[in-house]
């Protein structure tokens, strides 16, 4: 496992694009021929909501302006982590 500082160094060396203002949502990078930054989309929504945006507007903003934007082969990827509720029956 790498720390955030090392991750940022890797992304800089690979000339990866970053999602401005969402450093706290950065969760990793891809490996292989095309290294790109990977962000947690739910954390990005939380960041926008902490800044005063409501949930629906945050999702719309990210869909239209961030996730939907293709900026070339170094465009970041955005993941939606699946969580599972534990039921103790």
Protein backbone atom coordinates (compact mmCIF):
# COMPACT_ATOMS: atom_id res chain seq x y z
CA UNK A 1 0.00 0.00 0.00
CA UNK A 2 1.31 3.46 -0.88
CA UNK A 3 0.71 6.67 0.99
CA UNK A 4 -0.90 9.74 -0.52
CA UNK A 5 2.41 11.57 -0.94
CA UNK A 6 3.93 8.67 -2.89
CA UNK A 7 0.77 8.41 -4.97
CA UNK A 8 1.00 12.09 -5.87
CA UNK A 9 4.64 11.57 -6.94
CA UNK A 10 3.63 8.68 -9.21
CA UNK A 11 0.85 10.72 -10.79
CA UNK A 12 3.19 13.67 -11.37
CA UNK A 13 5.85 11.43 -12.94
CA UNK A 14 3.24 9.91 -15.25
CA UNK A 15 1.86 13.38 -16.12
CA UNK A 16 -1.62 12.33 -15.00
CA UNK A 17 -4.47 14.79 -14.93
CA UNK A 18 -6.06 15.65 -11.59
CA UNK A 19 -9.59 16.59 -10.59
CA UNK A 20 -9.03 20.07 -9.14
CA UNK A 21 -10.28 20.49 -5.60
CA UNK A 22 -10.78 16.79 -4.98
CA UNK A 23 -7.45 15.65 -3.52
CA UNK A 24 -9.26 14.09 -0.55
CA UNK A 25 -11.22 11.87 -2.96
CA UNK A 26 -8.09 10.52 -4.66
CA UNK A 27 -7.95 6.79 -3.87
CA UNK A 28 -5.27 5.44 -6.17
CA UNK A 29 -4.07 5.01 -9.71
CA UNK A 30 -4.25 2.44 -12.45
CA UNK A 31 -1.29 0.32 -13.46
CA UNK A 32 -0.12 -0.77 -16.85
CA UNK A 33 0.50 1.07 -20.08
CA UNK A 34 -1.80 3.98 -19.20
CA UNK A 35 -1.48 5.19 -15.61
CA UNK A 36 -4.31 7.51 -14.54
CA UNK A 37 -5.60 8.90 -11.25
CA UNK A 38 -8.60 7.19 -9.65
CA UNK A 39 -11.16 9.08 -7.56
CA UNK A 40 -14.00 8.00 -5.24
CA UNK A 41 -17.09 9.65 -6.74
CA UNK A 42 -19.03 9.43 -3.47
CA UNK A 43 -16.27 11.30 -1.65
CA UNK A 44 -16.36 13.92 -4.41
CA UNK A 45 -20.10 14.39 -3.79
CA UNK A 46 -19.38 14.75 -0.05
CA UNK A 47 -16.73 17.40 -0.75
CA UNK A 48 -19.18 19.45 -2.83
CA UNK A 49 -21.86 19.09 -0.17
CA UNK A 50 -19.42 20.28 2.53
CA UNK A 51 -18.97 23.40 0.37
CA UNK A 52 -22.73 24.03 0.41
CA UNK A 53 -23.98 22.23 -2.69
CA UNK A 54 -27.03 20.02 -2.22
CA UNK A 55 -26.79 16.32 -3.13
CA UNK A 56 -28.67 16.45 -6.44
CA UNK A 57 -26.76 19.49 -7.69
CA UNK A 58 -23.45 17.87 -6.67
CA UNK A 59 -24.27 14.71 -8.61
CA UNK A 60 -25.42 16.71 -11.64
CA UNK A 61 -22.30 18.89 -11.55
CA UNK A 62 -19.98 15.89 -11.36
CA UNK A 63 -21.83 13.96 -14.08
CA UNK A 64 -21.77 16.86 -16.52
CA UNK A 65 -18.51 18.66 -15.73
CA UNK A 66 -16.18 16.02 -14.34
CA UNK A 67 -17.10 12.40 -15.03
CA UNK A 68 -18.46 13.19 -18.47
CA UNK A 69 -15.39 15.15 -19.55
CA UNK A 70 -12.85 13.33 -21.70
CA UNK A 71 -9.49 15.08 -21.65
CA UNK A 72 -7.40 12.50 -23.46
CA UNK A 73 -5.69 9.32 -22.41
CA UNK A 74 -4.72 10.74 -19.01
CA UNK A 75 -8.32 11.53 -18.02
CA UNK A 76 -8.90 10.31 -14.45
CA UNK A 77 -11.22 7.41 -13.65
CA UNK A 78 -14.04 7.70 -11.15
CA UNK A 79 -15.24 4.76 -9.08
CA UNK A 80 -18.35 4.14 -7.06
CA UNK A 81 -17.48 1.72 -4.26
CA UNK A 82 -20.11 -0.85 -3.39
CA UNK A 83 -20.86 -1.22 0.29
CA UNK A 84 -22.70 -4.12 1.81
CA UNK A 85 -24.81 -3.88 4.90
CA UNK A 86 -24.20 -6.59 7.45
CA UNK A 87 -27.33 -8.20 8.84
CA UNK A 88 -27.06 -10.09 12.10
CA UNK A 89 -30.10 -12.32 12.04
